N, C-alpha and C. Protein backbone atom coordinates (compact mmCIF):
# COMPACT_ATOMS: atom_id res chain seq x y z
N MET A 1 112.18 126.49 102.51
CA MET A 1 111.66 128.36 103.36
C MET A 1 113.15 128.83 103.63
N SER A 2 113.23 129.98 103.56
CA SER A 2 114.22 130.52 104.68
C SER A 2 113.43 132.03 105.09
N ALA A 3 114.45 132.38 106.12
CA ALA A 3 114.39 133.76 106.53
C ALA A 3 115.20 134.91 106.17
N TYR A 4 114.26 135.71 106.13
CA TYR A 4 115.28 136.87 105.31
C TYR A 4 115.86 138.13 106.30
N TYR A 5 117.08 138.95 105.32
CA TYR A 5 117.50 139.49 106.37
C TYR A 5 117.96 141.00 105.43
N ASP A 6 118.32 141.91 105.66
CA ASP A 6 119.22 143.32 104.84
C ASP A 6 120.12 143.81 105.61
N LEU A 7 120.73 144.15 104.45
CA LEU A 7 122.26 144.61 105.35
C LEU A 7 122.12 146.85 105.34
N PHE A 8 122.75 146.65 106.50
CA PHE A 8 122.44 148.38 106.90
C PHE A 8 123.68 148.90 107.01
N GLU A 9 124.07 150.31 107.14
CA GLU A 9 124.98 150.73 106.92
C GLU A 9 124.99 150.91 108.71
N LYS A 10 126.14 150.84 109.58
CA LYS A 10 125.87 151.55 111.10
C LYS A 10 125.69 153.03 111.13
N PRO A 11 125.26 153.54 111.78
CA PRO A 11 125.04 154.81 112.21
C PRO A 11 126.36 155.34 112.35
N ASP A 12 127.12 156.33 111.94
CA ASP A 12 128.34 157.59 112.07
C ASP A 12 128.31 158.14 113.96
N ILE A 13 128.18 157.74 114.83
CA ILE A 13 127.70 157.67 115.82
C ILE A 13 129.34 158.67 116.45
N GLY A 14 130.10 158.92 115.83
CA GLY A 14 131.51 159.43 116.42
C GLY A 14 131.64 160.50 115.60
N ARG A 15 130.57 160.54 114.27
CA ARG A 15 130.57 162.02 113.22
C ARG A 15 132.14 161.60 112.81
N THR A 16 132.61 160.59 112.32
CA THR A 16 133.76 160.97 111.48
C THR A 16 133.45 161.02 110.07
N GLY A 17 132.44 161.02 109.53
CA GLY A 17 132.29 161.23 108.53
C GLY A 17 132.52 160.31 107.44
N GLU A 18 133.57 159.22 107.55
CA GLU A 18 133.44 157.61 107.28
C GLU A 18 132.96 156.82 107.24
N GLN A 19 132.91 156.13 106.25
CA GLN A 19 131.91 154.90 105.63
C GLN A 19 131.75 154.20 106.56
N GLN A 20 130.51 153.64 107.05
CA GLN A 20 130.51 152.64 108.61
C GLN A 20 130.36 151.32 107.65
N PRO A 21 131.06 150.52 108.71
CA PRO A 21 130.30 149.00 108.50
C PRO A 21 129.14 148.78 108.27
N LEU A 22 128.20 147.55 107.41
CA LEU A 22 127.32 147.13 107.28
C LEU A 22 127.23 145.93 108.76
N TYR A 23 125.74 145.83 109.07
CA TYR A 23 125.39 145.15 110.03
C TYR A 23 123.85 144.70 109.42
N ALA A 24 123.95 143.18 109.69
CA ALA A 24 122.35 142.72 109.10
C ALA A 24 121.49 142.57 110.06
N ARG A 25 120.35 143.23 108.77
CA ARG A 25 118.84 143.12 110.11
C ARG A 25 118.00 142.17 109.80
N PHE A 26 117.29 141.01 110.44
CA PHE A 26 116.26 140.56 110.17
C PHE A 26 115.10 141.29 109.89
N VAL A 27 114.56 140.57 109.22
CA VAL A 27 113.37 141.35 108.17
C VAL A 27 112.24 140.23 107.97
N PRO A 28 111.13 140.40 109.00
CA PRO A 28 110.31 139.69 108.78
C PRO A 28 109.23 138.96 107.90
N LYS A 29 108.68 138.22 107.63
CA LYS A 29 108.02 138.77 106.10
C LYS A 29 106.38 138.69 106.50
N GLY A 30 106.40 139.14 107.73
CA GLY A 30 104.96 139.35 108.16
C GLY A 30 104.69 138.91 110.01
N THR A 31 103.23 138.79 110.44
CA THR A 31 102.93 138.21 111.69
C THR A 31 102.49 137.08 111.66
N ILE A 32 102.60 136.31 112.38
CA ILE A 32 101.50 135.25 112.64
C ILE A 32 100.90 135.34 113.85
N ASP A 33 99.55 135.60 113.95
CA ASP A 33 98.48 135.91 114.72
C ASP A 33 98.47 134.46 115.23
N LYS A 34 97.38 134.77 116.51
CA LYS A 34 97.42 133.61 117.37
C LYS A 34 96.35 132.81 116.84
N LYS A 35 95.19 133.28 115.67
CA LYS A 35 94.68 132.07 114.96
C LYS A 35 95.20 131.39 114.41
N GLU A 36 96.34 132.16 113.30
CA GLU A 36 96.80 130.71 112.27
C GLU A 36 98.11 130.04 113.40
N PHE A 37 98.28 130.83 114.15
CA PHE A 37 99.09 129.63 115.09
C PHE A 37 98.60 128.61 115.66
N ILE A 38 97.26 129.10 116.07
CA ILE A 38 96.87 127.98 116.55
C ILE A 38 96.67 126.79 115.30
N ASP A 39 96.23 127.00 114.15
CA ASP A 39 95.78 126.25 112.82
C ASP A 39 97.40 125.47 112.43
N ARG A 40 98.26 126.31 112.97
CA ARG A 40 99.95 125.38 112.16
C ARG A 40 99.94 124.27 113.62
N VAL A 41 99.33 124.66 114.71
CA VAL A 41 99.62 123.72 115.90
C VAL A 41 98.57 122.80 115.75
N HIS A 42 97.41 122.94 115.43
CA HIS A 42 96.44 121.71 114.94
C HIS A 42 97.09 121.27 113.97
N LEU A 43 97.52 121.59 112.97
CA LEU A 43 97.71 120.83 111.87
C LEU A 43 98.85 119.38 112.27
N PHE A 44 100.04 120.45 113.07
CA PHE A 44 101.09 119.32 113.18
C PHE A 44 100.90 118.21 114.15
N THR A 45 99.83 118.56 114.81
CA THR A 45 99.49 117.69 116.53
C THR A 45 98.21 116.91 116.04
N GLY A 46 97.40 117.82 115.41
CA GLY A 46 96.08 116.87 115.66
C GLY A 46 95.18 117.45 116.53
N ILE A 47 95.54 118.12 117.71
CA ILE A 47 95.03 118.53 118.81
C ILE A 47 93.77 119.77 118.52
N SER A 48 92.76 119.37 119.03
CA SER A 48 91.65 119.97 118.64
C SER A 48 92.00 121.63 118.49
N ARG A 49 91.43 122.54 117.60
CA ARG A 49 91.46 123.92 118.14
C ARG A 49 90.70 124.27 118.91
N SER A 50 89.71 124.13 119.87
CA SER A 50 89.24 124.39 120.93
C SER A 50 89.96 123.91 122.17
N VAL A 51 90.57 123.41 121.93
CA VAL A 51 91.48 122.80 122.75
C VAL A 51 92.97 123.20 123.51
N LEU A 52 93.44 123.60 122.22
CA LEU A 52 94.41 124.68 121.94
C LEU A 52 94.13 126.46 122.59
N GLU A 53 93.20 126.53 122.35
CA GLU A 53 92.76 127.75 122.52
C GLU A 53 92.43 127.99 123.91
N GLY A 54 91.97 127.47 124.29
CA GLY A 54 91.44 127.07 125.79
C GLY A 54 93.15 126.96 126.55
N THR A 55 93.91 126.32 125.92
CA THR A 55 95.09 125.68 127.24
C THR A 55 95.89 126.89 126.86
N MET A 56 95.84 127.66 125.62
CA MET A 56 96.87 129.01 125.83
C MET A 56 96.03 129.65 126.41
N ALA A 57 95.02 129.90 126.39
CA ALA A 57 94.19 130.86 127.18
C ALA A 57 95.13 130.91 129.00
N ALA A 58 94.57 129.66 129.36
CA ALA A 58 95.26 129.34 130.86
C ALA A 58 96.24 129.22 130.75
N PHE A 59 97.18 129.37 129.81
CA PHE A 59 98.87 129.05 130.24
C PHE A 59 99.03 130.77 130.00
N MET A 60 98.37 131.64 129.19
CA MET A 60 98.86 133.23 129.48
C MET A 60 97.93 133.25 131.02
N ASP A 61 97.08 133.02 131.39
CA ASP A 61 96.28 133.69 132.80
C ASP A 61 97.51 132.57 134.31
N GLU A 62 98.09 131.58 133.56
CA GLU A 62 99.17 131.07 134.86
C GLU A 62 100.35 131.85 134.77
N LEU A 63 100.72 132.10 133.40
CA LEU A 63 102.26 133.02 133.42
C LEU A 63 102.11 134.66 133.80
N ARG A 64 101.14 135.25 133.85
CA ARG A 64 100.62 136.63 134.26
C ARG A 64 100.55 136.28 135.79
N ASP A 65 99.80 135.60 136.57
CA ASP A 65 100.05 134.89 137.94
C ASP A 65 101.18 135.03 138.60
N CYS A 66 102.10 134.11 137.70
CA CYS A 66 103.11 133.78 138.08
C CYS A 66 104.02 134.96 138.50
N LEU A 67 104.37 135.11 137.17
CA LEU A 67 104.92 136.85 137.36
C LEU A 67 104.49 137.90 138.20
N ALA A 68 103.30 138.16 138.58
CA ALA A 68 102.71 139.08 139.34
C ALA A 68 102.94 138.86 141.05
N ASN A 69 103.06 137.62 140.96
CA ASN A 69 103.78 137.08 142.67
C ASN A 69 105.42 136.90 142.71
N GLY A 70 105.79 137.59 141.34
CA GLY A 70 107.25 137.93 142.24
C GLY A 70 108.25 136.60 141.45
N TRP A 71 107.58 135.42 140.35
CA TRP A 71 108.31 134.09 139.81
C TRP A 71 109.12 134.50 138.88
N THR A 72 110.16 134.07 138.38
CA THR A 72 111.02 133.35 137.56
C THR A 72 110.13 132.48 137.07
N VAL A 73 109.85 132.48 135.71
CA VAL A 73 109.00 131.61 134.91
C VAL A 73 110.09 130.35 133.95
N GLU A 74 110.24 129.40 133.86
CA GLU A 74 111.53 128.70 132.90
C GLU A 74 110.31 127.63 132.16
N LEU A 75 110.00 128.17 130.90
CA LEU A 75 109.30 127.45 130.07
C LEU A 75 110.30 126.34 129.09
N GLY A 76 110.81 124.93 129.99
CA GLY A 76 111.46 124.09 129.52
C GLY A 76 112.49 124.57 128.51
N GLU A 77 112.96 124.24 127.51
CA GLU A 77 113.78 124.75 126.64
C GLU A 77 113.63 125.97 125.98
N LEU A 78 112.44 126.64 126.22
CA LEU A 78 111.93 127.64 125.70
C LEU A 78 112.96 128.78 126.28
N GLY A 79 113.04 128.94 127.38
CA GLY A 79 113.78 130.10 127.73
C GLY A 79 112.92 130.44 129.65
N TYR A 80 113.14 131.90 129.79
CA TYR A 80 112.84 132.05 131.06
C TYR A 80 111.96 133.93 130.92
N PHE A 81 111.10 134.16 131.81
CA PHE A 81 110.85 134.98 131.52
C PHE A 81 110.82 135.46 133.17
N THR A 82 110.98 136.97 132.98
CA THR A 82 111.19 137.89 134.56
C THR A 82 111.28 139.22 134.40
N PRO A 83 110.15 140.11 135.31
CA PRO A 83 109.83 140.95 135.03
C PRO A 83 110.59 142.35 135.27
N SER A 84 110.25 143.00 134.87
CA SER A 84 111.65 144.16 134.37
C SER A 84 111.02 145.45 134.89
N LEU A 85 111.62 146.05 135.97
CA LEU A 85 111.16 147.48 136.54
C LEU A 85 111.73 148.81 136.28
N SER A 86 110.86 149.56 136.97
CA SER A 86 111.78 151.07 136.68
C SER A 86 111.73 152.14 137.65
N CYS A 87 112.05 152.98 138.34
CA CYS A 87 111.70 153.75 139.27
C CYS A 87 110.85 155.04 138.36
N GLN A 88 110.10 155.09 139.09
CA GLN A 88 109.33 156.26 138.39
C GLN A 88 109.63 157.73 138.94
N ARG A 89 110.25 157.95 140.10
CA ARG A 89 110.80 158.87 140.93
C ARG A 89 112.29 158.94 140.79
N ARG A 90 112.77 159.93 140.47
CA ARG A 90 114.66 159.98 140.23
C ARG A 90 114.84 160.07 142.04
N ALA A 91 115.50 159.07 142.26
CA ALA A 91 116.56 159.32 143.85
C ALA A 91 117.85 158.66 143.61
N MET A 92 118.52 159.69 144.48
CA MET A 92 119.95 158.82 144.67
C MET A 92 120.17 157.91 146.24
N GLU A 93 119.33 158.33 146.78
CA GLU A 93 119.31 157.69 147.96
C GLU A 93 118.02 156.34 148.15
N LYS A 94 118.41 155.32 148.83
CA LYS A 94 117.74 153.85 148.71
C LYS A 94 116.31 154.42 149.42
N ASP A 95 116.85 155.18 150.72
CA ASP A 95 115.37 155.53 151.75
C ASP A 95 114.70 156.13 151.11
N LYS A 96 114.70 157.34 150.13
CA LYS A 96 114.23 157.96 149.55
C LYS A 96 112.98 157.47 147.69
N VAL A 97 112.98 156.02 147.61
CA VAL A 97 112.49 155.30 147.25
C VAL A 97 111.29 154.33 147.66
N ARG A 98 110.24 154.85 147.61
CA ARG A 98 108.77 153.94 147.38
C ARG A 98 108.44 153.08 146.59
N ALA A 99 107.48 152.25 147.17
CA ALA A 99 107.06 150.84 146.49
C ALA A 99 105.93 151.53 145.59
N ALA A 100 105.32 152.73 145.90
CA ALA A 100 104.66 153.26 144.93
C ALA A 100 105.34 153.71 143.62
N SER A 101 106.89 154.58 143.61
CA SER A 101 107.45 155.06 143.08
C SER A 101 107.60 153.42 142.02
N VAL A 102 107.46 152.43 142.24
CA VAL A 102 108.55 151.63 141.12
C VAL A 102 107.03 150.75 140.89
N ALA A 103 107.63 150.57 139.62
CA ALA A 103 106.57 149.67 138.50
C ALA A 103 106.76 149.33 137.47
N LEU A 104 106.18 148.53 136.76
CA LEU A 104 106.24 147.28 135.94
C LEU A 104 107.17 148.47 134.40
N ARG A 105 107.93 147.74 134.11
CA ARG A 105 108.24 148.25 132.88
C ARG A 105 108.36 147.43 131.55
N GLY A 106 108.53 146.14 131.83
CA GLY A 106 108.36 145.42 130.62
C GLY A 106 108.47 144.31 131.10
N LEU A 107 108.91 142.87 130.08
CA LEU A 107 109.05 141.79 130.31
C LEU A 107 110.68 141.01 129.85
N ASN A 108 111.61 140.71 130.55
CA ASN A 108 112.41 140.30 130.11
C ASN A 108 112.32 138.54 129.44
N PHE A 109 113.19 138.37 128.42
CA PHE A 109 112.72 136.94 127.87
C PHE A 109 114.27 136.52 127.99
N ARG A 110 115.16 135.09 128.17
CA ARG A 110 116.42 134.90 128.31
C ARG A 110 116.00 133.28 127.69
N LEU A 111 116.70 133.25 126.55
CA LEU A 111 116.19 132.01 125.27
C LEU A 111 116.91 130.86 126.02
N GLY A 112 116.57 129.89 126.64
CA GLY A 112 117.25 128.66 126.75
C GLY A 112 118.15 127.97 125.43
N LYS A 113 119.33 127.56 126.09
CA LYS A 113 120.72 127.43 125.05
C LYS A 113 120.04 126.15 124.40
N ARG A 114 119.39 125.67 124.48
CA ARG A 114 119.39 124.45 123.66
C ARG A 114 118.58 125.22 122.39
N PHE A 115 117.15 125.56 122.77
CA PHE A 115 116.45 126.00 121.90
C PHE A 115 117.36 126.87 120.64
N TYR A 116 117.87 127.69 121.56
CA TYR A 116 118.96 128.58 120.41
C TYR A 116 119.75 128.05 119.34
N GLU A 117 120.09 127.20 120.12
CA GLU A 117 121.14 126.27 118.52
C GLU A 117 120.56 125.60 118.21
N GLU A 118 118.96 125.09 118.06
CA GLU A 118 118.22 123.91 117.72
C GLU A 118 118.11 125.37 116.12
N LEU A 119 117.25 126.26 116.97
CA LEU A 119 116.97 127.31 116.07
C LEU A 119 118.25 127.80 114.95
N GLY A 120 119.11 128.32 115.59
CA GLY A 120 120.08 128.47 114.83
C GLY A 120 120.56 127.66 113.58
N SER A 121 120.55 126.02 113.65
CA SER A 121 120.58 125.34 112.65
C SER A 121 119.87 124.99 111.85
N LYS A 122 118.58 125.04 112.40
CA LYS A 122 117.19 125.32 111.30
C LYS A 122 117.46 126.44 110.38
N MET A 123 117.44 127.53 110.68
CA MET A 123 116.97 128.79 110.47
C MET A 123 118.46 129.12 108.85
N LYS A 124 117.38 128.97 107.55
CA LYS A 124 118.35 129.49 106.41
C LYS A 124 118.48 130.76 106.17
N LEU A 125 119.41 131.65 106.19
CA LEU A 125 119.03 132.77 106.07
C LEU A 125 119.19 132.91 103.95
N GLU A 126 118.57 134.09 103.72
CA GLU A 126 119.14 134.84 102.27
C GLU A 126 118.47 136.29 102.58
N ARG A 127 119.34 136.58 101.62
CA ARG A 127 119.26 138.34 101.96
C ARG A 127 117.72 138.70 101.22
N LYS A 128 116.87 139.24 101.93
CA LYS A 128 115.28 139.56 100.87
C LYS A 128 115.43 139.69 99.58
N PRO A 129 114.88 139.63 98.71
CA PRO A 129 114.91 139.39 97.55
C PRO A 129 114.32 141.34 96.95
N ARG A 130 114.45 141.24 96.24
CA ARG A 130 113.49 142.74 95.56
C ARG A 130 112.62 142.02 95.34
N PRO A 131 111.06 142.54 95.30
CA PRO A 131 110.06 142.04 94.71
C PRO A 131 109.94 142.90 93.12
N VAL A 132 109.35 141.42 92.77
CA VAL A 132 109.14 142.12 90.99
C VAL A 132 108.15 143.31 91.12
N VAL A 133 106.99 143.16 91.77
CA VAL A 133 105.88 144.03 92.08
C VAL A 133 106.34 144.49 93.54
N SER A 134 106.07 145.95 93.24
CA SER A 134 105.96 146.02 95.11
C SER A 134 104.72 145.95 95.48
N ALA A 135 104.25 146.32 96.78
CA ALA A 135 103.21 145.92 97.63
C ALA A 135 102.23 147.53 97.63
N SER A 136 103.22 148.38 97.09
CA SER A 136 101.66 150.04 96.92
C SER A 136 100.72 149.22 95.53
N SER A 137 101.67 149.06 94.31
CA SER A 137 100.97 148.83 93.18
C SER A 137 100.45 147.63 93.02
N ASP A 138 100.20 147.05 94.43
CA ASP A 138 99.08 145.36 94.57
C ASP A 138 97.66 146.39 94.19
N THR A 139 97.49 147.27 94.31
CA THR A 139 95.92 147.68 93.78
C THR A 139 95.54 147.70 91.95
N PHE A 140 96.52 147.88 91.37
CA PHE A 140 96.48 148.04 90.01
C PHE A 140 96.72 146.56 89.37
N LEU A 141 96.80 145.55 90.04
CA LEU A 141 97.08 144.22 89.51
C LEU A 141 95.86 143.67 89.29
N SER A 142 95.39 143.04 88.93
CA SER A 142 93.82 142.57 88.29
C SER A 142 94.06 140.98 88.66
N MET A 143 92.63 140.33 88.99
CA MET A 143 93.28 138.91 89.39
C MET A 143 93.62 138.33 88.06
N GLU A 144 93.33 138.62 86.77
CA GLU A 144 94.07 137.94 85.37
C GLU A 144 95.47 138.47 85.66
N ARG A 145 96.02 139.67 85.73
CA ARG A 145 97.23 139.91 85.66
C ARG A 145 98.45 138.78 86.80
N ARG A 146 97.65 139.16 88.07
CA ARG A 146 98.23 137.86 88.94
C ARG A 146 97.92 136.77 88.23
N PHE A 147 97.35 136.03 88.15
CA PHE A 147 97.08 134.79 87.39
C PHE A 147 98.46 134.58 86.10
N GLN A 148 98.54 135.58 85.54
CA GLN A 148 99.05 135.64 84.41
C GLN A 148 100.87 135.18 85.12
N LEU A 149 101.22 135.89 85.73
CA LEU A 149 102.44 135.90 86.60
C LEU A 149 103.01 134.67 87.32
N LEU A 150 101.57 134.43 87.62
CA LEU A 150 101.37 133.01 88.15
C LEU A 150 102.13 131.87 87.21
N ASP A 151 101.50 131.93 86.07
CA ASP A 151 101.56 130.83 85.38
C ASP A 151 102.86 131.17 84.39
N GLU A 152 103.40 132.21 84.38
CA GLU A 152 104.37 131.96 84.07
C GLU A 152 105.97 132.22 84.55
N TYR A 153 105.29 131.61 85.90
CA TYR A 153 106.01 131.38 87.31
C TYR A 153 106.41 129.99 86.92
N LEU A 154 105.28 129.21 86.72
CA LEU A 154 104.87 128.00 87.08
C LEU A 154 105.80 127.21 85.20
N GLN A 155 105.51 128.12 84.11
CA GLN A 155 106.12 127.63 83.50
C GLN A 155 107.44 127.13 83.59
N ARG A 156 107.74 127.97 84.44
CA ARG A 156 109.68 127.50 84.54
C ARG A 156 110.03 127.02 85.89
N ASN A 157 108.74 127.13 86.84
CA ASN A 157 109.12 126.04 87.79
C ASN A 157 108.25 124.94 88.32
N PRO A 158 108.53 124.32 88.61
CA PRO A 158 107.75 123.06 88.69
C PRO A 158 106.71 123.51 90.28
N CYS A 159 106.68 123.96 91.01
CA CYS A 159 105.77 124.40 92.03
C CYS A 159 105.78 125.53 92.48
N ILE A 160 105.40 126.49 93.49
CA ILE A 160 105.53 127.41 94.15
C ILE A 160 104.74 127.84 95.16
N ASN A 161 105.42 128.59 96.63
CA ASN A 161 104.83 128.59 97.65
C ASN A 161 103.77 129.82 97.92
N ARG A 162 103.41 130.04 99.28
CA ARG A 162 102.26 131.25 99.36
C ARG A 162 103.63 132.13 99.49
N ALA A 163 104.51 132.41 100.00
CA ALA A 163 105.83 133.40 100.15
C ALA A 163 106.20 134.32 98.70
N GLN A 164 106.35 132.85 97.93
CA GLN A 164 106.56 132.96 96.59
C GLN A 164 106.13 133.71 95.72
N TYR A 165 104.41 133.39 96.09
CA TYR A 165 103.09 134.13 95.41
C TYR A 165 103.26 135.41 95.88
N ALA A 166 103.26 135.75 96.58
CA ALA A 166 103.29 136.85 97.47
C ALA A 166 104.39 137.96 97.33
N ARG A 167 105.43 137.44 96.94
CA ARG A 167 106.62 138.24 96.53
C ARG A 167 106.60 138.62 94.90
N LEU A 168 106.12 137.74 93.90
CA LEU A 168 105.83 137.82 92.88
C LEU A 168 104.47 138.62 92.64
N THR A 169 103.30 138.58 93.06
CA THR A 169 102.38 139.68 92.72
C THR A 169 102.41 140.90 93.71
N GLY A 170 103.45 140.81 95.06
CA GLY A 170 102.98 141.79 95.60
C GLY A 170 102.15 142.00 96.91
N ARG A 171 101.35 140.69 96.76
CA ARG A 171 100.09 140.34 97.95
C ARG A 171 100.80 140.40 99.33
N SER A 172 100.08 140.26 100.25
CA SER A 172 99.91 140.31 101.34
C SER A 172 99.65 138.96 101.95
N TYR A 173 100.39 138.16 102.87
CA TYR A 173 99.65 137.19 103.27
C TYR A 173 98.06 136.18 103.33
N LYS A 174 97.38 136.99 103.86
CA LYS A 174 96.59 136.61 103.81
C LYS A 174 95.40 136.99 102.03
N GLN A 175 95.76 137.76 101.61
CA GLN A 175 95.48 137.98 99.95
C GLN A 175 96.28 137.15 99.10
N ALA A 176 97.57 136.26 99.72
CA ALA A 176 98.12 135.30 98.73
C ALA A 176 97.38 134.45 98.87
N ILE A 177 97.39 134.10 100.26
CA ILE A 177 95.93 133.06 100.54
C ILE A 177 94.39 132.87 99.56
N ASN A 178 94.15 133.93 99.97
CA ASN A 178 92.64 133.80 99.15
C ASN A 178 92.67 133.61 97.60
N ASP A 179 94.06 134.43 97.17
CA ASP A 179 94.25 133.77 95.63
C ASP A 179 94.48 132.96 95.35
N LEU A 180 95.21 132.01 95.88
CA LEU A 180 95.80 130.22 95.35
C LEU A 180 94.49 129.77 96.00
N ASN A 181 93.53 129.67 97.02
CA ASN A 181 92.12 129.04 97.18
C ASN A 181 91.27 129.09 96.32
N LEU A 182 91.53 130.64 95.58
CA LEU A 182 90.47 130.92 94.26
C LEU A 182 91.08 129.69 93.20
N PHE A 183 92.23 129.92 93.10
CA PHE A 183 92.91 129.45 91.66
C PHE A 183 92.62 128.28 92.09
N ILE A 184 92.66 127.25 92.91
CA ILE A 184 92.39 125.88 93.70
C ILE A 184 90.99 125.54 93.18
N GLU A 185 89.82 126.64 93.72
CA GLU A 185 88.34 126.12 93.43
C GLU A 185 88.04 126.07 92.25
N ASN A 186 88.79 127.01 91.10
CA ASN A 186 88.77 126.88 89.96
C ASN A 186 89.24 126.24 88.92
N GLY A 187 89.86 125.02 89.95
CA GLY A 187 90.38 124.03 89.46
C GLY A 187 91.86 123.91 88.46
N VAL A 188 92.74 125.03 89.00
CA VAL A 188 93.85 125.82 87.78
C VAL A 188 95.22 125.39 88.68
N LEU A 189 95.15 124.99 90.18
CA LEU A 189 95.94 124.88 90.67
C LEU A 189 95.83 123.87 91.84
N PHE A 190 96.62 123.14 92.12
CA PHE A 190 96.40 122.03 93.47
C PHE A 190 97.50 122.34 94.22
N ARG A 191 97.21 121.86 95.54
CA ARG A 191 97.79 122.16 96.61
C ARG A 191 98.33 120.28 96.84
N TYR A 192 99.54 120.45 97.72
CA TYR A 192 100.22 119.76 98.45
C TYR A 192 101.15 119.97 99.07
N GLY A 193 101.22 118.96 100.12
CA GLY A 193 102.11 118.77 101.74
C GLY A 193 100.80 119.47 102.87
N MET A 194 101.31 119.60 103.48
CA MET A 194 100.77 120.41 104.97
C MET A 194 101.83 121.35 105.51
N GLY A 195 101.10 122.26 106.42
CA GLY A 195 101.64 123.24 106.92
C GLY A 195 102.71 123.93 106.29
N ARG A 196 103.65 123.94 107.01
CA ARG A 196 104.71 124.75 106.10
C ARG A 196 105.25 124.28 105.15
N ASN A 197 104.91 123.33 105.00
CA ASN A 197 105.48 122.56 103.77
C ASN A 197 104.63 122.10 102.35
N VAL A 198 103.55 123.34 102.52
CA VAL A 198 102.47 123.36 101.33
C VAL A 198 102.97 124.05 100.12
N VAL A 199 102.99 123.13 99.14
CA VAL A 199 103.62 123.86 97.87
C VAL A 199 101.88 123.87 96.81
N TYR A 200 102.14 124.89 95.65
CA TYR A 200 101.11 124.71 94.80
C TYR A 200 101.61 124.27 93.58
N ALA A 201 100.67 123.56 92.48
CA ALA A 201 101.14 123.53 91.25
C ALA A 201 99.98 123.38 90.46
N GLY A 202 100.43 124.07 89.01
CA GLY A 202 99.55 124.20 88.08
C GLY A 202 98.68 122.86 87.49
N LYS A 203 98.04 122.92 87.17
CA LYS A 203 97.15 121.59 86.37
C LYS A 203 97.86 121.06 85.41
N LYS A 204 98.59 119.88 85.36
CA LYS A 204 99.13 118.81 84.19
C LYS A 204 98.32 119.04 82.84
């Protein structure tokens, strides 16, 4: 599995009219929501979903309370959370600023060094491929056509994963999962592996 990037030209801030160098930008494959994240942790640890949900809720409550009471919170190797503030009233002198005009602006997160290094070594980057079918044309692809594309792919490759199927057919993450599960129920596809290592292969 890889993470995607794409290349973009830097804006010509100085208005020189000259071609600007390219920079790389991370391109997300989608968003893993709370339910899916808990499902993934459950698969890898065996901890029940109800325990994980309760722990996450308690974790969020305690993090919020500690930050609200003026603490920086360290989460081990993950990093540090610190509130970020802003002055709602423009002032040039300190005695002109009252507490009522200072408010929460956001939350700063400083990534832990070890987590950063491990993430960097684990992440394999590749330029985002151009889809065979654009997502906008998804509504025009029947189930039969999607299966035909899948079958043709499996004639050339031993297996396929969810991300590859989504790119092949222009389906979203949830739509791709629904399609693949339906193919499994119909006995034309088999699932192998667990968690992020799941792949799908055709019936021999």
